[in-house]
Amino acid sequence: MKELLIRILDSFGFACWLEISTESPRCTYYFGPFLTRQDAIISQDGYIEDLLDEGAKGIAVTIKRFKPRDLTIFDEVADANSFNSFLKISPQIT
């Protein structure tokens, strides 16, 4: 019954989703849907642990009631700028 209610709420954009942003890599991840904020809070530690195991840094968590269009958003522009900055300050190897 709970799963049916979650699907109904999600179809209207009323389910809860975890939005987890990382600074490195510069990404936004969406995990869910959840019936309540409490359900999302209970689940967040597992997702954060997985991201830490993958080497993510600068993790921020927000809980939102909406329906995400994409589950992972990679900020290629910010990542490219970081890479270009790295190239500018790195010594040349000859």
PDB file of N, CA and C in Angstrom:
ATOM      1  N   MET A   1       0.817  -1.195   0.000  1.00  0.00           N
ATOM      2  CA  MET A   1       0.000   0.000   0.000  1.00  0.00           C
ATOM      3  C   MET A   1       0.864   1.265   0.000  1.00  0.00           C
ATOM      4  N   LYS A   2       1.960   1.235   0.805  1.00  0.00           N
ATOM      5  CA  LYS A   2       2.843   2.394   0.885  1.00  0.00           C
ATOM      6  C   LYS A   2       3.481   2.692  -0.473  1.00  0.00           C
ATOM      7  N   GLU A   3       3.913   1.650  -1.187  1.00  0.00           N
ATOM      8  CA  GLU A   3       4.546   1.838  -2.502  1.00  0.00           C
ATOM      9  C   GLU A   3       3.573   2.471  -3.493  1.00  0.00           C
ATOM     10  N   LEU A   4       2.304   2.097  -3.445  1.00  0.00           N
ATOM     11  CA  LEU A   4       1.302   2.683  -4.324  1.00  0.00           C
ATOM     12  C   LEU A   4       1.118   4.161  -4.018  1.00  0.00           C
ATOM     13  N   LEU A   5       1.069   4.499  -2.744  1.00  0.00           N
ATOM     14  CA  LEU A   5       0.925   5.899  -2.343  1.00  0.00           C
ATOM     15  C   LEU A   5       2.136   6.723  -2.797  1.00  0.00           C
ATOM     16  N   ILE A   6       3.336   6.151  -2.654  1.00  0.00           N
ATOM     17  CA  ILE A   6       4.546   6.849  -3.113  1.00  0.00           C
ATOM     18  C   ILE A   6       4.466   7.092  -4.619  1.00  0.00           C
ATOM     19  N   ARG A   7       4.058   6.093  -5.384  1.00  0.00           N
ATOM     20  CA  ARG A   7       3.958   6.268  -6.846  1.00  0.00           C
ATOM     21  C   ARG A   7       2.947   7.339  -7.213  1.00  0.00           C
ATOM     22  N   ILE A   8       1.832   7.381  -6.505  1.00  0.00           N
ATOM     23  CA  ILE A   8       0.812   8.402  -6.784  1.00  0.00           C
ATOM     24  C   ILE A   8       1.354   9.788  -6.459  1.00  0.00           C
ATOM     25  N   LEU A   9       1.945   9.941  -5.270  1.00  0.00           N
ATOM     26  CA  LEU A   9       2.513  11.239  -4.899  1.00  0.00           C
ATOM     27  C   LEU A   9       3.607  11.665  -5.873  1.00  0.00           C
ATOM     28  N   ASP A  10       4.436  10.716  -6.274  1.00  0.00           N
ATOM     29  CA  ASP A  10       5.522  11.030  -7.201  1.00  0.00           C
ATOM     30  C   ASP A  10       4.996  11.471  -8.563  1.00  0.00           C
ATOM     31  N   SER A  11       3.930  10.850  -9.012  1.00  0.00           N
ATOM     32  CA  SER A  11       3.384  11.220 -10.322  1.00  0.00           C
ATOM     33  C   SER A  11       2.882  12.660 -10.342  1.00  0.00           C
ATOM     34  N   PHE A  12       2.489  13.184  -9.183  1.00  0.00           N
ATOM     35  CA  PHE A  12       2.022  14.570  -9.088  1.00  0.00           C
ATOM     36  C   PHE A  12       3.115  15.530  -8.588  1.00  0.00           C
ATOM     37  N   GLY A  13       4.306  14.998  -8.331  1.00  0.00           N
ATOM     38  CA  GLY A  13       5.399  15.834  -7.852  1.00  0.00           C
ATOM     39  C   GLY A  13       5.334  16.162  -6.372  1.00  0.00           C
ATOM     40  N   PHE A  14       4.631  15.336  -5.585  1.00  0.00           N
ATOM     41  CA  PHE A  14       4.492  15.593  -4.154  1.00  0.00           C
ATOM     42  C   PHE A  14       5.306  14.641  -3.277  1.00  0.00           C
ATOM     43  N   ALA A  15       6.034  13.719  -3.874  1.00  0.00           N
ATOM     44  CA  ALA A  15       6.871  12.813  -3.094  1.00  0.00           C
ATOM     45  C   ALA A  15       8.141  13.555  -2.666  1.00  0.00           C
ATOM     46  N   CYS A  16       8.776  13.062  -1.625  1.00  0.00           N
ATOM     47  CA  CYS A  16      10.034  13.648  -1.152  1.00  0.00           C
ATOM     48  C   CYS A  16      11.209  13.006  -1.887  1.00  0.00           C
ATOM     49  N   TRP A  17      12.179  13.835  -2.218  1.00  0.00           N
ATOM     50  CA  TRP A  17      13.410  13.387  -2.850  1.00  0.00           C
ATOM     51  C   TRP A  17      14.588  13.978  -2.100  1.00  0.00           C
ATOM     52  N   LEU A  18      15.654  13.203  -1.983  1.00  0.00           N
ATOM     53  CA  LEU A  18      16.917  13.714  -1.467  1.00  0.00           C
ATOM     54  C   LEU A  18      17.679  14.340  -2.623  1.00  0.00           C
ATOM     55  N   GLU A  19      18.113  15.572  -2.457  1.00  0.00           N
ATOM     56  CA  GLU A  19      19.001  16.217  -3.420  1.00  0.00           C
ATOM     57  C   GLU A  19      20.363  16.283  -2.744  1.00  0.00           C
ATOM     58  N   ILE A  20      21.320  15.550  -3.288  1.00  0.00           N
ATOM     59  CA  ILE A  20      22.661  15.526  -2.714  1.00  0.00           C
ATOM     60  C   ILE A  20      23.611  16.129  -3.730  1.00  0.00           C
ATOM     61  N   SER A  21      24.220  17.244  -3.328  1.00  0.00           N
ATOM     62  CA  SER A  21      25.173  17.952  -4.190  1.00  0.00           C
ATOM     63  C   SER A  21      26.572  17.692  -3.682  1.00  0.00           C
ATOM     64  N   THR A  22      27.522  17.574  -4.608  1.00  0.00           N
ATOM     65  CA  THR A  22      28.920  17.409  -4.250  1.00  0.00           C
ATOM     66  C   THR A  22      29.745  18.477  -4.958  1.00  0.00           C
ATOM     67  N   GLU A  23      30.776  18.948  -4.272  1.00  0.00           N
ATOM     68  CA  GLU A  23      31.682  19.940  -4.852  1.00  0.00           C
ATOM     69  C   GLU A  23      32.704  19.283  -5.777  1.00  0.00           C
ATOM     70  N   SER A  24      33.123  18.078  -5.409  1.00  0.00           N
ATOM     71  CA  SER A  24      34.091  17.361  -6.231  1.00  0.00           C
ATOM     72  C   SER A  24      33.726  15.887  -6.245  1.00  0.00           C
ATOM     73  N   PRO A  25      33.262  15.356  -7.359  1.00  0.00           N
ATOM     74  CA  PRO A  25      32.993  16.063  -8.602  1.00  0.00           C
ATOM     75  C   PRO A  25      31.791  16.987  -8.437  1.00  0.00           C
ATOM     76  N   ARG A  26      31.688  17.977  -9.264  1.00  0.00           N
ATOM     77  CA  ARG A  26      30.586  18.925  -9.180  1.00  0.00           C
ATOM     78  C   ARG A  26      29.347  18.262  -9.799  1.00  0.00           C
ATOM     79  N   CYS A  27      28.531  17.654  -8.926  1.00  0.00           N
ATOM     80  CA  CYS A  27      27.346  16.909  -9.365  1.00  0.00           C
ATOM     81  C   CYS A  27      26.183  17.149  -8.417  1.00  0.00           C
ATOM     82  N   THR A  28      24.991  16.899  -8.925  1.00  0.00           N
ATOM     83  CA  THR A  28      23.784  16.855  -8.107  1.00  0.00           C
ATOM     84  C   THR A  28      23.119  15.512  -8.377  1.00  0.00           C
ATOM     85  N   TYR A  29      22.808  14.810  -7.305  1.00  0.00           N
ATOM     86  CA  TYR A  29      22.177  13.489  -7.394  1.00  0.00           C
ATOM     87  C   TYR A  29      20.817  13.564  -6.716  1.00  0.00           C
ATOM     88  N   TYR A  30      19.844  12.854  -7.271  1.00  0.00           N
ATOM     89  CA  TYR A  30      18.517  12.767  -6.664  1.00  0.00           C
ATOM     90  C   TYR A  30      18.231  11.315  -6.312  1.00  0.00           C
ATOM     91  N   PHE A  31      17.815  11.099  -5.062  1.00  0.00           N
ATOM     92  CA  PHE A  31      17.475   9.768  -4.577  1.00  0.00           C
ATOM     93  C   PHE A  31      16.056   9.796  -4.033  1.00  0.00           C
ATOM     94  N   GLY A  32      15.268   8.818  -4.403  1.00  0.00           N
ATOM     95  CA  GLY A  32      13.892   8.759  -3.958  1.00  0.00           C
ATOM     96  C   GLY A  32      13.082   7.922  -4.917  1.00  0.00           C
ATOM     97  N   PRO A  33      11.810   8.072  -4.908  1.00  0.00           N
ATOM     98  CA  PRO A  33      10.992   8.939  -4.067  1.00  0.00           C
ATOM     99  C   PRO A  33      10.736   8.322  -2.691  1.00  0.00           C
ATOM    100  N   PHE A  34      10.398   9.207  -1.741  1.00  0.00           N
ATOM    101  CA  PHE A  34      10.052   8.805  -0.383  1.00  0.00           C
ATOM    102  C   PHE A  34       8.685   9.373  -0.035  1.00  0.00           C
ATOM    103  N   LEU A  35       7.980   8.676   0.830  1.00  0.00           N
ATOM    104  CA  LEU A  35       6.651   9.114   1.246  1.00  0.00           C
ATOM    105  C   LEU A  35       6.725  10.347   2.145  1.00  0.00           C
ATOM    106  N   THR A  36       7.692  10.348   3.072  1.00  0.00           N
ATOM    107  CA  THR A  36       7.794  11.452   4.036  1.00  0.00           C
ATOM    108  C   THR A  36       9.237  11.950   4.126  1.00  0.00           C
ATOM    109  N   ARG A  37       9.390  13.148   4.714  1.00  0.00           N
ATOM    110  CA  ARG A  37      10.724  13.692   4.971  1.00  0.00           C
ATOM    111  C   ARG A  37      11.495  12.754   5.894  1.00  0.00           C
ATOM    112  N   GLN A  38      10.809  12.197   6.868  1.00  0.00           N
ATOM    113  CA  GLN A  38      11.457  11.284   7.817  1.00  0.00           C
ATOM    114  C   GLN A  38      12.020  10.055   7.107  1.00  0.00           C
ATOM    115  N   ASP A  39      11.271   9.501   6.151  1.00  0.00           N
ATOM    116  CA  ASP A  39      11.768   8.360   5.376  1.00  0.00           C
ATOM    117  C   ASP A  39      13.033   8.743   4.612  1.00  0.00           C
ATOM    118  N   ALA A  40      13.055   9.943   4.050  1.00  0.00           N
ATOM    119  CA  ALA A  40      14.227  10.413   3.310  1.00  0.00           C
ATOM    120  C   ALA A  40      15.418  10.585   4.254  1.00  0.00           C
ATOM    121  N   ILE A  41      15.182  11.164   5.421  1.00  0.00           N
ATOM    122  CA  ILE A  41      16.251  11.376   6.404  1.00  0.00           C
ATOM    123  C   ILE A  41      16.851  10.043   6.837  1.00  0.00           C
ATOM    124  N   ILE A  42      16.000   9.068   7.069  1.00  0.00           N
ATOM    125  CA  ILE A  42      16.463   7.743   7.495  1.00  0.00           C
ATOM    126  C   ILE A  42      17.357   7.109   6.425  1.00  0.00           C
ATOM    127  N   SER A  43      17.074   7.362   5.153  1.00  0.00           N
ATOM    128  CA  SER A  43      17.803   6.740   4.047  1.00  0.00           C
ATOM    129  C   SER A  43      19.065   7.486   3.624  1.00  0.00           C
ATOM    130  N   GLN A  44      19.204   8.749   4.010  1.00  0.00           N
ATOM    131  CA  GLN A  44      20.283   9.567   3.456  1.00  0.00           C
ATOM    132  C   GLN A  44      21.686   9.060   3.802  1.00  0.00           C
ATOM    133  N   ASP A  45      21.877   8.484   4.969  1.00  0.00           N
ATOM    134  CA  ASP A  45      23.219   8.050   5.365  1.00  0.00           C
ATOM    135  C   ASP A  45      23.823   7.031   4.393  1.00  0.00           C
ATOM    136  N   GLY A  46      23.016   6.117   3.905  1.00  0.00           N
ATOM    137  CA  GLY A  46      23.509   5.109   2.960  1.00  0.00           C
ATOM    138  C   GLY A  46      23.979   5.732   1.654  1.00  0.00           C
ATOM    139  N   TYR A  47      23.237   6.707   1.152  1.00  0.00           N
ATOM    140  CA  TYR A  47      23.632   7.383  -0.084  1.00  0.00           C
ATOM    141  C   TYR A  47      24.896   8.209   0.118  1.00  0.00           C
ATOM    142  N   ILE A  48      24.982   8.897   1.246  1.00  0.00           N
ATOM    143  CA  ILE A  48      26.168   9.702   1.545  1.00  0.00           C
ATOM    144  C   ILE A  48      27.393   8.790   1.672  1.00  0.00           C
ATOM    145  N   GLU A  49      27.233   7.673   2.342  1.00  0.00           N
ATOM    146  CA  GLU A  49      28.340   6.727   2.497  1.00  0.00           C
ATOM    147  C   GLU A  49      28.831   6.233   1.139  1.00  0.00           C
ATOM    148  N   ASP A  50      27.910   5.910   0.241  1.00  0.00           N
ATOM    149  CA  ASP A  50      28.298   5.466  -1.104  1.00  0.00           C
ATOM    150  C   ASP A  50      29.089   6.544  -1.838  1.00  0.00           C
ATOM    151  N   LEU A  51      28.642   7.797  -1.736  1.00  0.00           N
ATOM    152  CA  LEU A  51      29.350   8.893  -2.405  1.00  0.00           C
ATOM    153  C   LEU A  51      30.736   9.103  -1.794  1.00  0.00           C
ATOM    154  N   LEU A  52      30.844   9.018  -0.479  1.00  0.00           N
ATOM    155  CA  LEU A  52      32.148   9.140   0.177  1.00  0.00           C
ATOM    156  C   LEU A  52      33.089   8.015  -0.256  1.00  0.00           C
ATOM    157  N   ASP A  53      32.549   6.801  -0.366  1.00  0.00           N
ATOM    158  CA  ASP A  53      33.351   5.664  -0.828  1.00  0.00           C
ATOM    159  C   ASP A  53      33.869   5.880  -2.248  1.00  0.00           C
ATOM    160  N   GLU A  54      33.112   6.646  -3.052  1.00  0.00           N
ATOM    161  CA  GLU A  54      33.525   6.948  -4.425  1.00  0.00           C
ATOM    162  C   GLU A  54      34.445   8.167  -4.489  1.00  0.00           C
ATOM    163  N   GLY A  55      34.749   8.775  -3.333  1.00  0.00           N
ATOM    164  CA  GLY A  55      35.686   9.885  -3.286  1.00  0.00           C
ATOM    165  C   GLY A  55      35.064  11.267  -3.398  1.00  0.00           C
ATOM    166  N   ALA A  56      33.755  11.370  -3.286  1.00  0.00           N
ATOM    167  CA  ALA A  56      33.091  12.675  -3.369  1.00  0.00           C
ATOM    168  C   ALA A  56      33.464  13.542  -2.174  1.00  0.00           C
ATOM    169  N   LYS A  57      33.550  14.849  -2.427  1.00  0.00           N
ATOM    170  CA  LYS A  57      33.876  15.810  -1.369  1.00  0.00           C
ATOM    171  C   LYS A  57      32.889  16.963  -1.406  1.00  0.00           C
ATOM    172  N   GLY A  58      32.715  17.630  -0.265  1.00  0.00           N
ATOM    173  CA  GLY A  58      31.821  18.782  -0.191  1.00  0.00           C
ATOM    174  C   GLY A  58      30.362  18.405  -0.390  1.00  0.00           C
ATOM    175  N   ILE A  59      29.881  17.479   0.404  1.00  0.00           N
ATOM    176  CA  ILE A  59      28.522  16.939   0.246  1.00  0.00           C
ATOM    177  C   ILE A  59      27.515  17.792   1.009  1.00  0.00           C
ATOM    178  N   ALA A  60      26.422  18.152   0.332  1.00  0.00           N
ATOM    179  CA  ALA A  60      25.314  18.894   0.947  1.00  0.00           C
ATOM    180  C   ALA A  60      24.015  18.183   0.608  1.00  0.00           C
ATOM    181  N   VAL A  61      23.121  18.079   1.585  1.00  0.00           N
ATOM    182  CA  VAL A  61      21.864  17.348   1.407  1.00  0.00           C
ATOM    183  C   VAL A  61      20.680  18.286   1.626  1.00  0.00           C
ATOM    184  N   THR A  62      19.704  18.200   0.721  1.00  0.00           N
ATOM    185  CA  THR A  62      18.441  18.931   0.832  1.00  0.00           C
ATOM    186  C   THR A  62      17.324  17.943   0.542  1.00  0.00           C
ATOM    187  N   ILE A  63      16.200  18.124   1.223  1.00  0.00           N
ATOM    188  CA  ILE A  63      15.020  17.297   0.935  1.00  0.00           C
ATOM    189  C   ILE A  63      13.994  18.190   0.266  1.00  0.00           C
ATOM    190  N   LYS A  64      13.481  17.724  -0.886  1.00  0.00           N
ATOM    191  CA  LYS A  64      12.525  18.510  -1.665  1.00  0.00           C
ATOM    192  C   LYS A  64      11.317  17.661  -2.018  1.00  0.00           C
ATOM    193  N   ARG A  65      10.180  18.330  -2.136  1.00  0.00           N
ATOM    194  CA  ARG A  65       8.980  17.681  -2.666  1.00  0.00           C
ATOM    195  C   ARG A  65       8.819  18.150  -4.098  1.00  0.00           C
ATOM    196  N   PHE A  66       9.184  17.291  -5.021  1.00  0.00           N
ATOM    197  CA  PHE A  66       9.060  17.573  -6.450  1.00  0.00           C
ATOM    198  C   PHE A  66       9.381  16.302  -7.200  1.00  0.00           C
ATOM    199  N   LYS A  67       9.424  16.369  -8.512  1.00  0.00           N
ATOM    200  CA  LYS A  67       9.789  15.218  -9.326  1.00  0.00           C
ATOM    201  C   LYS A  67      10.972  15.629 -10.197  1.00  0.00           C
ATOM    202  N   PRO A  68      12.150  15.083  -9.916  1.00  0.00           N
ATOM    203  CA  PRO A  68      13.317  15.475 -10.706  1.00  0.00           C
ATOM    204  C   PRO A  68      13.213  14.974 -12.146  1.00  0.00           C
ATOM    205  N   ARG A  69      13.738  15.767 -13.049  1.00  0.00           N
ATOM    206  CA  ARG A  69      13.750  15.375 -14.463  1.00  0.00           C
ATOM    207  C   ARG A  69      14.876  14.381 -14.714  1.00  0.00           C
ATOM    208  N   ASP A  70      16.039  14.640 -14.115  1.00  0.00           N
ATOM    209  CA  ASP A  70      17.202  13.764 -14.232  1.00  0.00           C
ATOM    210  C   ASP A  70      17.638  13.356 -12.833  1.00  0.00           C
ATOM    211  N   LEU A  71      18.182  12.152 -12.698  1.00  0.00           N
ATOM    212  CA  LEU A  71      18.607  11.680 -11.388  1.00  0.00           C
ATOM    213  C   LEU A  71      20.049  12.065 -11.061  1.00  0.00           C
ATOM    214  N   THR A  72      20.844  12.358 -12.084  1.00  0.00           N
ATOM    215  CA  THR A  72      22.224  12.805 -11.893  1.00  0.00           C
ATOM    216  C   THR A  72      22.492  13.955 -12.839  1.00  0.00           C
ATOM    217  N   ILE A  73      23.009  15.046 -12.290  1.00  0.00           N
ATOM    218  CA  ILE A  73      23.358  16.209 -13.104  1.00  0.00           C
ATOM    219  C   ILE A  73      24.831  16.500 -12.861  1.00  0.00           C
ATOM    220  N   PHE A  74      25.620  16.381 -13.915  1.00  0.00           N
ATOM    221  CA  PHE A  74      27.054  16.633 -13.846  1.00  0.00           C
ATOM    222  C   PHE A  74      27.316  18.018 -14.408  1.00  0.00           C
ATOM    223  N   ASP A  75      27.929  18.888 -13.628  1.00  0.00           N
ATOM    224  CA  ASP A  75      28.216  20.260 -14.038  1.00  0.00           C
ATOM    225  C   ASP A  75      29.519  20.271 -14.832  1.00  0.00           C
ATOM    226  N   GLU A  76      29.413  20.016 -16.131  1.00  0.00           N
ATOM    227  CA  GLU A  76      30.594  19.923 -16.985  1.00  0.00           C
ATOM    228  C   GLU A  76      31.335  21.246 -17.091  1.00  0.00           C
ATOM    229  N   VAL A  77      30.616  22.358 -17.098  1.00  0.00           N
ATOM    230  CA  VAL A  77      31.255  23.668 -17.231  1.00  0.00           C
ATOM    231  C   VAL A  77      32.144  23.946 -16.031  1.00  0.00           C
ATOM    232  N   ALA A  78      31.620  23.743 -14.825  1.00  0.00           N
ATOM    233  CA  ALA A  78      32.413  23.979 -13.620  1.00  0.00           C
ATOM    234  C   ALA A  78      33.590  23.027 -13.565  1.00  0.00           C
ATOM    235  N   ASP A  79      33.377  21.782 -13.961  1.00  0.00           N
ATOM    236  CA  ASP A  79      34.453  20.811 -13.928  1.00  0.00           C
ATOM    237  C   ASP A  79      35.537  21.174 -14.942  1.00  0.00           C
ATOM    238  N   ALA A  80      35.132  21.641 -16.131  1.00  0.00           N
ATOM    239  CA  ALA A  80      36.102  22.048 -17.144  1.00  0.00           C
ATOM    240  C   ALA A  80      36.893  23.265 -16.675  1.00  0.00           C
ATOM    241  N   ASN A  81      36.230  24.220 -16.008  1.00  0.00           N
ATOM    242  CA  ASN A  81      36.931  25.394 -15.482  1.00  0.00           C
ATOM    243  C   ASN A  81      37.964  24.986 -14.438  1.00  0.00           C
ATOM    244  N   SER A  82      37.633  24.039 -13.590  1.00  0.00           N
ATOM    245  CA  SER A  82      38.579  23.562 -12.587  1.00  0.00           C
ATOM    246  C   SER A  82      39.770  22.906 -13.270  1.00  0.00           C
ATOM    247  N   PHE A  83      39.510  22.135 -14.309  1.00  0.00           N
ATOM    248  CA  PHE A  83      40.579  21.464 -15.035  1.00  0.00           C
ATOM    249  C   PHE A  83      41.465  22.487 -15.735  1.00  0.00           C
ATOM    250  N   ASN A  84      40.853  23.506 -16.358  1.00  0.00           N
ATOM    251  CA  ASN A  84      41.636  24.549 -17.026  1.00  0.00           C
ATOM    252  C   ASN A  84      42.481  25.313 -16.025  1.00  0.00           C
ATOM    253  N   SER A  85      41.947  25.598 -14.831  1.00  0.00           N
ATOM    254  CA  SER A  85      42.725  26.279 -13.801  1.00  0.00           C
ATOM    255  C   SER A  85      43.908  25.413 -13.377  1.00  0.00           C
ATOM    256  N   PHE A  86      43.676  24.128 -13.271  1.00  0.00           N
ATOM    257  CA  PHE A  86      44.743  23.198 -12.918  1.00  0.00           C
ATOM    258  C   PHE A  86      45.854  23.247 -13.963  1.00  0.00           C
ATOM    259  N   LEU A  87      45.464  23.275 -15.243  1.00  0.00           N
ATOM    260  CA  LEU A  87      46.456  23.311 -16.308  1.00  0.00           C
ATOM    261  C   LEU A  87      47.279  24.591 -16.274  1.00  0.00           C
ATOM    262  N   LYS A  88      46.650  25.708 -15.921  1.00  0.00           N
ATOM    263  CA  LYS A  88      47.344  26.996 -15.912  1.00  0.00           C
ATOM    264  C   LYS A  88      48.395  27.081 -14.811  1.00  0.00           C
ATOM    265  N   ILE A  89      48.169  26.435 -13.698  1.00  0.00           N
ATOM    266  CA  ILE A  89      49.101  26.573 -12.584  1.00  0.00           C
ATOM    267  C   ILE A  89      50.063  25.389 -12.475  1.00  0.00           C
ATOM    268  N   SER A  90      49.849  24.371 -13.275  1.00  0.00           N
ATOM    269  CA  SER A  90      50.731  23.208 -13.210  1.00  0.00           C
ATOM    270  C   SER A  90      51.998  23.457 -14.012  1.00  0.00           C
ATOM    271  N   PRO A  91      53.122  23.016 -13.494  1.00  0.00           N
ATOM    272  CA  PRO A  91      54.379  23.174 -14.260  1.00  0.00           C
ATOM    273  C   PRO A  91      54.372  22.285 -15.481  1.00  0.00           C
ATOM    274  N   GLN A  92      55.027  22.759 -16.532  1.00  0.00           N
ATOM    275  CA  GLN A  92      55.116  21.960 -17.749  1.00  0.00           C
ATOM    276  C   GLN A  92      56.191  20.901 -17.568  1.00  0.00           C
ATOM    277  N   ILE A  93      55.900  19.749 -18.074  1.00  0.00           N
ATOM    278  CA  ILE A  93      56.845  18.642 -18.011  1.00  0.00           C
ATOM    279  C   ILE A  93      57.463  18.511 -19.394  1.00  0.00           C
ATOM    280  N   THR A  94      58.771  18.545 -19.475  1.00  0.00           N
ATOM    281  CA  THR A  94      59.444  18.412 -20.779  1.00  0.00           C
ATOM    282  C   THR A  94      60.299  17.193 -20.824  1.00  0.00           C
TER     283      THR A  94
END
